[in-house]
Amino acid sequence: MNKTIAFRQMEIDDIDKIHEIESKSFATPWSKEAFYNELTKNRFALYTVIEHGREVAGYCGAWIIVDEVHITNIALLPDFRGMGLGEALMRKVMETARKMGVRTMTLEVRVSNDRAQSLYRKLGFQDGAIRKRYYTDNMEDALVMWVKL
């Protein structure tokens, strides 16, 4: 990572780029409208963007409810994967949540996504329950993971 990375809150002007990242990352991407609603109507939403140089490389969405944060989605453009940006982004979101008084963070991850699970375990996440047939594109199970902040 020889270029500067920076974090900031997602803005409405980011939606096209975020939707591009979402579409390149997930079989069933969220719509632009869903992101618009998250940014304008969901008082629990916290969306963080990571920039590499001056380019939006990825984002992380979360819902903060009382003292728990739930990661809704996290993704990077394919060209920025394997550079440590996903870990940096998760660490930033965890730090932000801690400063807001959040005590626990949870997320779901595909049971087949060993790479993501490895990152989450590195960050202190533990395995929780299995959500059967959670992913609608192929009915794959999700592993719920959690960490105390």
C-alpha atoms as a PDB file:
ATOM      1  CA  MET A   1       0.000   0.000   0.000  1.00  0.00           C
ATOM      2  CA  ASN A   2       2.151   2.836  -1.219  1.00  0.00           C
ATOM      3  CA  LYS A   3      -0.784   5.188  -1.830  1.00  0.00           C
ATOM      4  CA  THR A   4      -2.510   6.971   1.009  1.00  0.00           C
ATOM      5  CA  ILE A   5      -5.660   5.445   2.409  1.00  0.00           C
ATOM      6  CA  ALA A   6      -8.386   7.544   3.959  1.00  0.00           C
ATOM      7  CA  PHE A   7     -11.736   6.875   5.590  1.00  0.00           C
ATOM      8  CA  ARG A   8     -14.875   8.965   5.506  1.00  0.00           C
ATOM      9  CA  GLN A   9     -18.619   8.640   5.861  1.00  0.00           C
ATOM     10  CA  MET A  10     -20.469   7.627   2.706  1.00  0.00           C
ATOM     11  CA  GLU A  11     -22.336  10.414   0.928  1.00  0.00           C
ATOM     12  CA  ILE A  12     -25.217  10.336  -1.540  1.00  0.00           C
ATOM     13  CA  ASP A  13     -22.779  11.228  -4.338  1.00  0.00           C
ATOM     14  CA  ASP A  14     -20.974   7.922  -3.625  1.00  0.00           C
ATOM     15  CA  ILE A  15     -23.988   5.726  -4.398  1.00  0.00           C
ATOM     16  CA  ASP A  16     -23.116   5.019  -8.065  1.00  0.00           C
ATOM     17  CA  LYS A  17     -19.584   3.919  -7.143  1.00  0.00           C
ATOM     18  CA  ILE A  18     -20.779   1.934  -4.130  1.00  0.00           C
ATOM     19  CA  HIS A  19     -23.352   0.174  -6.306  1.00  0.00           C
ATOM     20  CA  GLU A  20     -20.570  -0.693  -8.775  1.00  0.00           C
ATOM     21  CA  ILE A  21     -18.536  -2.217  -5.937  1.00  0.00           C
ATOM     22  CA  GLU A  22     -21.614  -4.061  -4.663  1.00  0.00           C
ATOM     23  CA  SER A  23     -22.384  -5.444  -8.145  1.00  0.00           C
ATOM     24  CA  LYS A  24     -18.807  -6.680  -8.615  1.00  0.00           C
ATOM     25  CA  SER A  25     -18.802  -8.299  -5.176  1.00  0.00           C
ATOM     26  CA  PHE A  26     -22.144 -10.018  -4.613  1.00  0.00           C
ATOM     27  CA  ALA A  27     -24.455 -12.313  -6.557  1.00  0.00           C
ATOM     28  CA  THR A  28     -27.475 -10.389  -5.264  1.00  0.00           C
ATOM     29  CA  PRO A  29     -26.309  -6.779  -4.908  1.00  0.00           C
ATOM     30  CA  TRP A  30     -28.240  -4.129  -3.071  1.00  0.00           C
ATOM     31  CA  SER A  31     -29.947  -1.580  -5.317  1.00  0.00           C
ATOM     32  CA  LYS A  32     -28.977   2.085  -5.549  1.00  0.00           C
ATOM     33  CA  GLU A  33     -32.329   2.858  -3.950  1.00  0.00           C
ATOM     34  CA  ALA A  34     -31.463   0.652  -0.967  1.00  0.00           C
ATOM     35  CA  PHE A  35     -28.250   2.613  -0.384  1.00  0.00           C
ATOM     36  CA  TYR A  36     -30.113   5.904  -0.795  1.00  0.00           C
ATOM     37  CA  ASN A  37     -32.644   4.797   1.815  1.00  0.00           C
ATOM     38  CA  GLU A  38     -29.872   3.712   4.173  1.00  0.00           C
ATOM     39  CA  LEU A  39     -28.208   7.121   3.932  1.00  0.00           C
ATOM     40  CA  THR A  40     -31.365   9.229   4.130  1.00  0.00           C
ATOM     41  CA  LYS A  41     -33.914   7.276   6.175  1.00  0.00           C
ATOM     42  CA  ASN A  42     -32.178   4.775   8.443  1.00  0.00           C
ATOM     43  CA  ARG A  43     -31.155   6.549  11.639  1.00  0.00           C
ATOM     44  CA  PHE A  44     -29.258   3.423  12.734  1.00  0.00           C
ATOM     45  CA  ALA A  45     -27.062   3.288   9.598  1.00  0.00           C
ATOM     46  CA  LEU A  46     -23.342   4.002   9.557  1.00  0.00           C
ATOM     47  CA  TYR A  47     -21.623   3.678   6.174  1.00  0.00           C
ATOM     48  CA  THR A  48     -17.866   4.119   5.890  1.00  0.00           C
ATOM     49  CA  VAL A  49     -15.909   4.509   2.651  1.00  0.00           C
ATOM     50  CA  ILE A  50     -12.225   3.680   2.203  1.00  0.00           C
ATOM     51  CA  GLU A  51     -10.279   5.579  -0.423  1.00  0.00           C
ATOM     52  CA  HIS A  52      -6.980   4.454  -1.896  1.00  0.00           C
ATOM     53  CA  GLY A  53      -5.302   7.497  -3.295  1.00  0.00           C
ATOM     54  CA  ARG A  54      -8.335   9.493  -4.395  1.00  0.00           C
ATOM     55  CA  GLU A  55     -10.349   6.490  -5.575  1.00  0.00           C
ATOM     56  CA  VAL A  56     -13.177   4.882  -3.616  1.00  0.00           C
ATOM     57  CA  ALA A  57     -11.884   1.348  -3.109  1.00  0.00           C
ATOM     58  CA  GLY A  58     -14.590  -0.062  -0.853  1.00  0.00           C
ATOM     59  CA  TYR A  59     -17.138   0.485   1.844  1.00  0.00           C
ATOM     60  CA  CYS A  60     -18.649  -1.012   4.961  1.00  0.00           C
ATOM     61  CA  GLY A  61     -22.249  -0.666   6.054  1.00  0.00           C
ATOM     62  CA  ALA A  62     -23.437  -1.125   9.607  1.00  0.00           C
ATOM     63  CA  TRP A  63     -26.483  -0.636  11.772  1.00  0.00           C
ATOM     64  CA  ILE A  64     -25.865   0.593  15.298  1.00  0.00           C
ATOM     65  CA  ILE A  65     -28.690  -0.284  17.655  1.00  0.00           C
ATOM     66  CA  VAL A  66     -28.176   0.620  21.306  1.00  0.00           C
ATOM     67  CA  ASP A  67     -24.824  -1.016  22.176  1.00  0.00           C
ATOM     68  CA  GLU A  68     -24.558  -3.471  19.276  1.00  0.00           C
ATOM     69  CA  VAL A  69     -23.388  -2.955  15.711  1.00  0.00           C
ATOM     70  CA  HIS A  70     -24.397  -5.286  12.902  1.00  0.00           C
ATOM     71  CA  ILE A  71     -22.290  -5.260   9.748  1.00  0.00           C
ATOM     72  CA  THR A  72     -24.729  -5.294   6.834  1.00  0.00           C
ATOM     73  CA  ASN A  73     -22.166  -5.417   4.050  1.00  0.00           C
ATOM     74  CA  ILE A  74     -18.499  -4.863   3.342  1.00  0.00           C
ATOM     75  CA  ALA A  75     -16.882  -4.956  -0.078  1.00  0.00           C
ATOM     76  CA  LEU A  76     -13.876  -3.812  -2.067  1.00  0.00           C
ATOM     77  CA  LEU A  77     -13.412  -3.415  -5.794  1.00  0.00           C
ATOM     78  CA  PRO A  78     -11.609  -6.511  -7.118  1.00  0.00           C
ATOM     79  CA  ASP A  79      -8.459  -4.487  -7.982  1.00  0.00           C
ATOM     80  CA  PHE A  80      -8.061  -3.508  -4.329  1.00  0.00           C
ATOM     81  CA  ARG A  81      -8.458  -6.938  -2.754  1.00  0.00           C
ATOM     82  CA  GLY A  82      -5.481  -8.635  -1.120  1.00  0.00           C
ATOM     83  CA  MET A  83      -3.885  -5.317  -0.127  1.00  0.00           C
ATOM     84  CA  GLY A  84      -5.018  -5.212   3.501  1.00  0.00           C
ATOM     85  CA  LEU A  85      -7.713  -2.615   2.802  1.00  0.00           C
ATOM     86  CA  GLY A  86     -10.549  -4.833   4.020  1.00  0.00           C
ATOM     87  CA  GLU A  87      -8.788  -5.330   7.334  1.00  0.00           C
ATOM     88  CA  ALA A  88      -8.059  -1.605   7.618  1.00  0.00           C
ATOM     89  CA  LEU A  89     -11.702  -0.803   6.883  1.00  0.00           C
ATOM     90  CA  MET A  90     -12.998  -3.278   9.465  1.00  0.00           C
ATOM     91  CA  ARG A  91     -10.580  -1.948  12.077  1.00  0.00           C
ATOM     92  CA  LYS A  92     -11.781   1.607  11.370  1.00  0.00           C
ATOM     93  CA  VAL A  93     -15.442   0.618  11.727  1.00  0.00           C
ATOM     94  CA  MET A  94     -14.653  -1.271  14.945  1.00  0.00           C
ATOM     95  CA  GLU A  95     -12.798   1.768  16.324  1.00  0.00           C
ATOM     96  CA  THR A  96     -15.674   4.107  15.381  1.00  0.00           C
ATOM     97  CA  ALA A  97     -18.208   1.782  17.009  1.00  0.00           C
ATOM     98  CA  ARG A  98     -16.108   1.554  20.194  1.00  0.00           C
ATOM     99  CA  LYS A  99     -15.991   5.360  20.418  1.00  0.00           C
ATOM    100  CA  MET A 100     -19.797   5.407  20.099  1.00  0.00           C
ATOM    101  CA  GLY A 101     -20.145   3.103  23.119  1.00  0.00           C
ATOM    102  CA  VAL A 102     -20.887  -0.064  21.180  1.00  0.00           C
ATOM    103  CA  ARG A 103     -19.975  -3.254  23.022  1.00  0.00           C
ATOM    104  CA  THR A 104     -20.643  -6.036  20.505  1.00  0.00           C
ATOM    105  CA  MET A 105     -20.321  -6.416  16.734  1.00  0.00           C
ATOM    106  CA  THR A 106     -21.986  -9.135  14.664  1.00  0.00           C
ATOM    107  CA  LEU A 107     -22.115 -10.157  11.027  1.00  0.00           C
ATOM    108  CA  GLU A 108     -23.095 -13.009   8.753  1.00  0.00           C
ATOM    109  CA  VAL A 109     -20.674 -14.590   6.314  1.00  0.00           C
ATOM    110  CA  ARG A 110     -21.135 -17.391   3.801  1.00  0.00           C
ATOM    111  CA  VAL A 111     -19.999 -20.720   5.229  1.00  0.00           C
ATOM    112  CA  SER A 112     -17.905 -21.161   2.058  1.00  0.00           C
ATOM    113  CA  ASN A 113     -16.113 -17.806   2.418  1.00  0.00           C
ATOM    114  CA  ASP A 114     -12.975 -18.992   4.195  1.00  0.00           C
ATOM    115  CA  ARG A 115     -11.005 -15.862   3.296  1.00  0.00           C
ATOM    116  CA  ALA A 116     -13.475 -13.510   4.985  1.00  0.00           C
ATOM    117  CA  GLN A 117     -13.860 -15.806   7.990  1.00  0.00           C
ATOM    118  CA  SER A 118     -10.084 -15.845   8.405  1.00  0.00           C
ATOM    119  CA  LEU A 119      -9.980 -12.035   8.428  1.00  0.00           C
ATOM    120  CA  TYR A 120     -12.818 -11.811  10.938  1.00  0.00           C
ATOM    121  CA  ARG A 121     -11.118 -14.337  13.247  1.00  0.00           C
ATOM    122  CA  LYS A 122      -7.887 -12.328  12.990  1.00  0.00           C
ATOM    123  CA  LEU A 123      -9.900  -9.337  14.230  1.00  0.00           C
ATOM    124  CA  GLY A 124     -11.174 -11.335  17.228  1.00  0.00           C
ATOM    125  CA  PHE A 125     -14.536 -12.533  15.919  1.00  0.00           C
ATOM    126  CA  GLN A 126     -15.843 -15.848  17.204  1.00  0.00           C
ATOM    127  CA  ASP A 127     -18.168 -18.303  15.513  1.00  0.00           C
ATOM    128  CA  GLY A 128     -21.772 -18.206  16.586  1.00  0.00           C
ATOM    129  CA  ALA A 129     -24.863 -19.825  15.110  1.00  0.00           C
ATOM    130  CA  ILE A 130     -25.569 -21.002  11.580  1.00  0.00           C
ATOM    131  CA  ARG A 131     -28.423 -19.336   9.712  1.00  0.00           C
ATOM    132  CA  LYS A 132     -29.761 -22.056   7.427  1.00  0.00           C
ATOM    133  CA  ARG A 133     -30.383 -21.132   3.771  1.00  0.00           C
ATOM    134  CA  TYR A 134     -29.650 -17.455   4.517  1.00  0.00           C
ATOM    135  CA  TYR A 135     -28.390 -16.406   1.079  1.00  0.00           C
ATOM    136  CA  THR A 136     -31.215 -16.248  -1.444  1.00  0.00           C
ATOM    137  CA  ASP A 137     -29.062 -16.631  -4.578  1.00  0.00           C
ATOM    138  CA  ASN A 138     -28.036 -20.219  -3.799  1.00  0.00           C
ATOM    139  CA  MET A 139     -29.620 -20.929  -0.388  1.00  0.00           C
ATOM    140  CA  GLU A 140     -26.178 -21.206   1.228  1.00  0.00           C
ATOM    141  CA  ASP A 141     -25.961 -21.141   5.008  1.00  0.00           C
ATOM    142  CA  ALA A 142     -24.490 -18.149   6.828  1.00  0.00           C
ATOM    143  CA  LEU A 143     -22.150 -18.317   9.780  1.00  0.00           C
ATOM    144  CA  VAL A 144     -22.962 -15.669  12.392  1.00  0.00           C
ATOM    145  CA  MET A 145     -19.801 -14.258  13.905  1.00  0.00           C
ATOM    146  CA  TRP A 146     -19.434 -11.812  16.789  1.00  0.00           C
ATOM    147  CA  VAL A 147     -16.806  -9.936  18.742  1.00  0.00           C
ATOM    148  CA  LYS A 148     -16.814  -7.931  21.970  1.00  0.00           C
ATOM    149  CA  LEU A 149     -15.435  -4.468  21.446  1.00  0.00           C
END
